[in-house]
């Protein structure tokens, strides 16, 4: 799971290992791309609940807000156990590391601040940046543990006048009873 996102993490690690301050900017770019990919990976599980243009026009902040609107538990890590009916042995298990607003605040946006030219002759604190990159890499490497991407929930559906069948998670419906066709 998350192969594309984890490839960006690996590239960020390689740039970090060079000990060249200029290469830290490339690490930042790859870490941001990794985080974006993690959010995009979630979209396919909510395709019946999200707007069709979500990838073309949306940023991770808007995606997580839309995902939370679809599934209030989307920011929670999950462990999945599936059993065949009548059989006590476990048939399948998997786990999913969740994307979150916290990840955006602590890494995505902080890293972005280093991708712009400093104003007022302010110098980049490369040691502080190096530590931020290391922390972000550690956090993103936790996504290696993800073995499934799921959206398992009780849903209701309705047919829109546009012809699309729209689904809504019942927990999300309880929080916001308005259903809008994406």
C-alpha atoms as a PDB file:
ATOM      1  CA  UNK A   1       0.000   0.000   0.000  1.00  0.00           C
ATOM      2  CA  UNK A   2       0.965   3.624  -0.515  1.00  0.00           C
ATOM      3  CA  UNK A   3       3.821   2.706  -2.872  1.00  0.00           C
ATOM      4  CA  UNK A   4       3.929   6.123  -4.552  1.00  0.00           C
ATOM      5  CA  UNK A   5       3.910   7.998  -1.255  1.00  0.00           C
ATOM      6  CA  UNK A   6       6.629   5.800   0.218  1.00  0.00           C
ATOM      7  CA  UNK A   7       8.837   6.248  -2.869  1.00  0.00           C
ATOM      8  CA  UNK A   8       8.812   9.985  -2.168  1.00  0.00           C
ATOM      9  CA  UNK A   9       9.800   9.305   1.452  1.00  0.00           C
ATOM     10  CA  UNK A  10      12.724   7.178   0.239  1.00  0.00           C
ATOM     11  CA  UNK A  11      13.881   9.999  -2.044  1.00  0.00           C
ATOM     12  CA  UNK A  12      13.609  12.497   0.816  1.00  0.00           C
ATOM     13  CA  UNK A  13      15.787  10.217   2.947  1.00  0.00           C
ATOM     14  CA  UNK A  14      18.428  10.010   0.200  1.00  0.00           C
ATOM     15  CA  UNK A  15      18.586  13.801  -0.085  1.00  0.00           C
ATOM     16  CA  UNK A  16      18.805  14.111   3.703  1.00  0.00           C
ATOM     17  CA  UNK A  17      21.758  11.693   3.848  1.00  0.00           C
ATOM     18  CA  UNK A  18      23.865  13.857   1.513  1.00  0.00           C
ATOM     19  CA  UNK A  19      24.395  16.375   4.344  1.00  0.00           C
ATOM     20  CA  UNK A  20      24.117  19.115   1.716  1.00  0.00           C
ATOM     21  CA  UNK A  21      21.887  21.917   3.024  1.00  0.00           C
ATOM     22  CA  UNK A  22      20.649  22.717  -0.484  1.00  0.00           C
ATOM     23  CA  UNK A  23      19.391  19.149  -0.849  1.00  0.00           C
ATOM     24  CA  UNK A  24      17.127  19.613   2.164  1.00  0.00           C
ATOM     25  CA  UNK A  25      14.794  21.600  -0.090  1.00  0.00           C
ATOM     26  CA  UNK A  26      14.462  18.527  -2.337  1.00  0.00           C
ATOM     27  CA  UNK A  27      13.654  16.462   0.745  1.00  0.00           C
ATOM     28  CA  UNK A  28      10.900  18.951   1.575  1.00  0.00           C
ATOM     29  CA  UNK A  29       9.436  18.697  -1.920  1.00  0.00           C
ATOM     30  CA  UNK A  30       9.343  14.909  -1.791  1.00  0.00           C
ATOM     31  CA  UNK A  31       7.811  14.860   1.686  1.00  0.00           C
ATOM     32  CA  UNK A  32       5.037  17.192   0.583  1.00  0.00           C
ATOM     33  CA  UNK A  33       4.441  15.023  -2.473  1.00  0.00           C
ATOM     34  CA  UNK A  34       4.298  11.979  -0.206  1.00  0.00           C
ATOM     35  CA  UNK A  35       1.687  13.575   2.034  1.00  0.00           C
ATOM     36  CA  UNK A  36      -0.383  14.649  -0.976  1.00  0.00           C
ATOM     37  CA  UNK A  37      -0.259  11.094  -2.331  1.00  0.00           C
ATOM     38  CA  UNK A  38      -1.450   9.665   0.992  1.00  0.00           C
ATOM     39  CA  UNK A  39      -4.516  11.885   0.776  1.00  0.00           C
ATOM     40  CA  UNK A  40      -5.115  11.009  -2.881  1.00  0.00           C
ATOM     41  CA  UNK A  41      -4.869   7.298  -2.009  1.00  0.00           C
ATOM     42  CA  UNK A  42      -7.927   7.690   0.231  1.00  0.00           C
ATOM     43  CA  UNK A  43     -10.142   9.148  -2.476  1.00  0.00           C
ATOM     44  CA  UNK A  44     -10.858   5.902  -4.318  1.00  0.00           C
ATOM     45  CA  UNK A  45     -12.569   4.503  -1.199  1.00  0.00           C
ATOM     46  CA  UNK A  46     -15.008   7.402  -1.148  1.00  0.00           C
ATOM     47  CA  UNK A  47     -15.632   7.809  -4.889  1.00  0.00           C
ATOM     48  CA  UNK A  48     -19.403   7.471  -4.485  1.00  0.00           C
ATOM     49  CA  UNK A  49     -19.451  10.154  -1.791  1.00  0.00           C
ATOM     50  CA  UNK A  50     -16.973  12.749  -3.083  1.00  0.00           C
ATOM     51  CA  UNK A  51     -17.099  15.278  -5.924  1.00  0.00           C
ATOM     52  CA  UNK A  52     -15.685  13.974  -9.194  1.00  0.00           C
ATOM     53  CA  UNK A  53     -13.192  16.854  -9.524  1.00  0.00           C
ATOM     54  CA  UNK A  54     -11.574  16.307  -6.130  1.00  0.00           C
ATOM     55  CA  UNK A  55      -8.106  15.416  -7.444  1.00  0.00           C
ATOM     56  CA  UNK A  56      -7.968  17.992 -10.233  1.00  0.00           C
ATOM     57  CA  UNK A  57      -8.739  21.026  -8.097  1.00  0.00           C
ATOM     58  CA  UNK A  58      -8.425  20.139  -4.444  1.00  0.00           C
ATOM     59  CA  UNK A  59      -5.604  20.455  -1.954  1.00  0.00           C
ATOM     60  CA  UNK A  60      -5.031  18.028   0.960  1.00  0.00           C
ATOM     61  CA  UNK A  61      -6.799  20.366   3.441  1.00  0.00           C
ATOM     62  CA  UNK A  62      -9.953  20.386   1.319  1.00  0.00           C
ATOM     63  CA  UNK A  63      -9.677  16.643   0.744  1.00  0.00           C
ATOM     64  CA  UNK A  64      -9.488  15.836   4.469  1.00  0.00           C
ATOM     65  CA  UNK A  65     -12.452  18.128   5.147  1.00  0.00           C
ATOM     66  CA  UNK A  66     -14.440  16.336   2.432  1.00  0.00           C
ATOM     67  CA  UNK A  67     -13.362  12.919   3.743  1.00  0.00           C
ATOM     68  CA  UNK A  68     -14.399  13.866   7.303  1.00  0.00           C
ATOM     69  CA  UNK A  69     -17.752  14.960   5.919  1.00  0.00           C
ATOM     70  CA  UNK A  70     -18.079  11.476   4.356  1.00  0.00           C
ATOM     71  CA  UNK A  71     -16.685   9.564   7.328  1.00  0.00           C
ATOM     72  CA  UNK A  72     -16.242  11.180  10.760  1.00  0.00           C
ATOM     73  CA  UNK A  73     -13.784   8.377  11.676  1.00  0.00           C
ATOM     74  CA  UNK A  74     -11.464   8.851   8.692  1.00  0.00           C
ATOM     75  CA  UNK A  75      -8.699  10.289  10.919  1.00  0.00           C
ATOM     76  CA  UNK A  76      -8.594   7.173  13.089  1.00  0.00           C
ATOM     77  CA  UNK A  77      -6.207   4.267  12.514  1.00  0.00           C
ATOM     78  CA  UNK A  78      -8.090   1.051  11.821  1.00  0.00           C
ATOM     79  CA  UNK A  79      -7.580  -2.679  12.261  1.00  0.00           C
ATOM     80  CA  UNK A  80      -9.811  -4.864  10.118  1.00  0.00           C
ATOM     81  CA  UNK A  81     -10.721  -8.461  10.913  1.00  0.00           C
ATOM     82  CA  UNK A  82     -12.962 -10.427   8.567  1.00  0.00           C
ATOM     83  CA  UNK A  83     -14.381 -13.825   9.363  1.00  0.00           C
ATOM     84  CA  UNK A  84     -16.402 -16.272   7.294  1.00  0.00           C
ATOM     85  CA  UNK A  85     -19.850 -16.753   8.739  1.00  0.00           C
ATOM     86  CA  UNK A  86     -19.959 -19.723  11.074  1.00  0.00           C
ATOM     87  CA  UNK A  87     -16.159 -20.122  11.191  1.00  0.00           C
ATOM     88  CA  UNK A  88     -14.269 -19.013  14.283  1.00  0.00           C
ATOM     89  CA  UNK A  89     -10.864 -18.794  12.622  1.00  0.00           C
ATOM     90  CA  UNK A  90      -9.769 -15.403  11.402  1.00  0.00           C
ATOM     91  CA  UNK A  91     -10.031 -15.195   7.624  1.00  0.00           C
ATOM     92  CA  UNK A  92      -8.344 -11.855   6.933  1.00  0.00           C
ATOM     93  CA  UNK A  93      -6.834  -9.015   8.876  1.00  0.00           C
ATOM     94  CA  UNK A  94      -5.362  -5.705   7.880  1.00  0.00           C
ATOM     95  CA  UNK A  95      -4.560  -2.289   9.220  1.00  0.00           C
ATOM     96  CA  UNK A  96      -4.846   1.225   7.944  1.00  0.00           C
ATOM     97  CA  UNK A  97      -2.837   4.221   9.121  1.00  0.00           C
ATOM     98  CA  UNK A  98      -5.027   7.307   8.903  1.00  0.00           C
ATOM     99  CA  UNK A  99      -4.318  10.622   7.240  1.00  0.00           C
ATOM    100  CA  UNK A 100      -5.213  13.613   9.401  1.00  0.00           C
ATOM    101  CA  UNK A 101      -5.402  17.358   9.771  1.00  0.00           C
ATOM    102  CA  UNK A 102      -2.644  17.004  12.369  1.00  0.00           C
ATOM    103  CA  UNK A 103      -0.310  15.676   9.669  1.00  0.00           C
ATOM    104  CA  UNK A 104      -1.070  18.712   7.541  1.00  0.00           C
ATOM    105  CA  UNK A 105      -0.368  21.118  10.405  1.00  0.00           C
ATOM    106  CA  UNK A 106       2.762  19.466  11.764  1.00  0.00           C
ATOM    107  CA  UNK A 107       4.468  18.568   8.506  1.00  0.00           C
ATOM    108  CA  UNK A 108       2.838  19.603   5.228  1.00  0.00           C
ATOM    109  CA  UNK A 109       2.480  23.311   6.041  1.00  0.00           C
ATOM    110  CA  UNK A 110       5.663  23.646   8.121  1.00  0.00           C
ATOM    111  CA  UNK A 111       7.726  22.046   5.368  1.00  0.00           C
ATOM    112  CA  UNK A 112       6.154  24.408   2.819  1.00  0.00           C
ATOM    113  CA  UNK A 113       7.535  27.412   4.645  1.00  0.00           C
ATOM    114  CA  UNK A 114      11.049  26.274   3.679  1.00  0.00           C
ATOM    115  CA  UNK A 115      10.166  26.134  -0.017  1.00  0.00           C
ATOM    116  CA  UNK A 116       9.948  29.915  -0.318  1.00  0.00           C
ATOM    117  CA  UNK A 117      12.690  32.499  -0.412  1.00  0.00           C
ATOM    118  CA  UNK A 118      13.211  33.915   3.086  1.00  0.00           C
ATOM    119  CA  UNK A 119      12.160  37.557   3.497  1.00  0.00           C
ATOM    120  CA  UNK A 120      14.035  40.346   5.264  1.00  0.00           C
ATOM    121  CA  UNK A 121      17.427  38.610   5.014  1.00  0.00           C
ATOM    122  CA  UNK A 122      16.178  35.903   7.380  1.00  0.00           C
ATOM    123  CA  UNK A 123      18.469  32.886   7.223  1.00  0.00           C
ATOM    124  CA  UNK A 124      17.252  29.314   7.048  1.00  0.00           C
ATOM    125  CA  UNK A 125      17.974  27.340  10.186  1.00  0.00           C
ATOM    126  CA  UNK A 126      19.151  24.158   8.460  1.00  0.00           C
ATOM    127  CA  UNK A 127      19.481  22.192  11.683  1.00  0.00           C
ATOM    128  CA  UNK A 128      15.870  22.957  12.585  1.00  0.00           C
ATOM    129  CA  UNK A 129      14.841  21.995   9.047  1.00  0.00           C
ATOM    130  CA  UNK A 130      16.868  18.779   9.220  1.00  0.00           C
ATOM    131  CA  UNK A 131      15.071  17.818  12.468  1.00  0.00           C
ATOM    132  CA  UNK A 132      11.670  18.602  10.964  1.00  0.00           C
ATOM    133  CA  UNK A 133      12.483  16.422   7.952  1.00  0.00           C
ATOM    134  CA  UNK A 134      13.601  13.548  10.191  1.00  0.00           C
ATOM    135  CA  UNK A 135      10.372  13.751  12.208  1.00  0.00           C
ATOM    136  CA  UNK A 136       8.257  13.886   9.059  1.00  0.00           C
ATOM    137  CA  UNK A 137      10.069  10.872   7.615  1.00  0.00           C
ATOM    138  CA  UNK A 138       9.478   8.917  10.831  1.00  0.00           C
ATOM    139  CA  UNK A 139       5.779   9.774  10.765  1.00  0.00           C
ATOM    140  CA  UNK A 140       5.377   8.956   7.083  1.00  0.00           C
ATOM    141  CA  UNK A 141       7.217   5.647   7.397  1.00  0.00           C
ATOM    142  CA  UNK A 142       4.405   4.509   9.711  1.00  0.00           C
ATOM    143  CA  UNK A 143       2.317   4.200   6.550  1.00  0.00           C
ATOM    144  CA  UNK A 144       4.401   1.143   5.625  1.00  0.00           C
ATOM    145  CA  UNK A 145       2.208  -0.690   8.146  1.00  0.00           C
ATOM    146  CA  UNK A 146      -0.908  -0.052   6.064  1.00  0.00           C
ATOM    147  CA  UNK A 147      -2.060  -3.260   4.431  1.00  0.00           C
ATOM    148  CA  UNK A 148      -5.595  -2.194   3.476  1.00  0.00           C
ATOM    149  CA  UNK A 149      -7.436   0.966   2.502  1.00  0.00           C
ATOM    150  CA  UNK A 150     -11.067   0.635   3.483  1.00  0.00           C
ATOM    151  CA  UNK A 151     -14.290   2.528   3.835  1.00  0.00           C
ATOM    152  CA  UNK A 152     -16.442   0.047   5.700  1.00  0.00           C
ATOM    153  CA  UNK A 153     -19.553   1.643   7.138  1.00  0.00           C
ATOM    154  CA  UNK A 154     -23.290   1.514   7.065  1.00  0.00           C
ATOM    155  CA  UNK A 155     -24.516   3.776   4.269  1.00  0.00           C
ATOM    156  CA  UNK A 156     -27.733   5.033   2.822  1.00  0.00           C
ATOM    157  CA  UNK A 157     -28.142   5.833  -0.859  1.00  0.00           C
ATOM    158  CA  UNK A 158     -30.421   7.933  -2.981  1.00  0.00           C
ATOM    159  CA  UNK A 159     -30.807   8.674  -6.655  1.00  0.00           C
ATOM    160  CA  UNK A 160     -30.124  12.265  -7.622  1.00  0.00           C
ATOM    161  CA  UNK A 161     -32.034  14.045 -10.376  1.00  0.00           C
ATOM    162  CA  UNK A 162     -28.757  14.096 -12.346  1.00  0.00           C
ATOM    163  CA  UNK A 163     -28.889  10.294 -12.499  1.00  0.00           C
ATOM    164  CA  UNK A 164     -26.039   9.615 -10.084  1.00  0.00           C
ATOM    165  CA  UNK A 165     -26.559   7.260  -7.151  1.00  0.00           C
ATOM    166  CA  UNK A 166     -25.196   9.014  -4.061  1.00  0.00           C
ATOM    167  CA  UNK A 167     -24.101   7.285  -0.841  1.00  0.00           C
ATOM    168  CA  UNK A 168     -23.790   8.767   2.652  1.00  0.00           C
ATOM    169  CA  UNK A 169     -22.253   7.198   5.762  1.00  0.00           C
ATOM    170  CA  UNK A 170     -24.926   6.989   8.486  1.00  0.00           C
ATOM    171  CA  UNK A 171     -22.533   8.409  11.131  1.00  0.00           C
ATOM    172  CA  UNK A 172     -21.833  11.359   8.849  1.00  0.00           C
ATOM    173  CA  UNK A 173     -25.562  11.726   8.203  1.00  0.00           C
ATOM    174  CA  UNK A 174     -26.205  11.917  11.942  1.00  0.00           C
ATOM    175  CA  UNK A 175     -23.730  14.807  12.204  1.00  0.00           C
ATOM    176  CA  UNK A 176     -24.996  16.596   9.101  1.00  0.00           C
ATOM    177  CA  UNK A 177     -28.385  15.536   7.734  1.00  0.00           C
ATOM    178  CA  UNK A 178     -27.925  17.487   4.498  1.00  0.00           C
ATOM    179  CA  UNK A 179     -26.964  15.308   1.541  1.00  0.00           C
ATOM    180  CA  UNK A 180     -25.621  17.033  -1.550  1.00  0.00           C
ATOM    181  CA  UNK A 181     -24.887  15.275  -4.812  1.00  0.00           C
ATOM    182  CA  UNK A 182     -21.167  15.558  -5.477  1.00  0.00           C
END
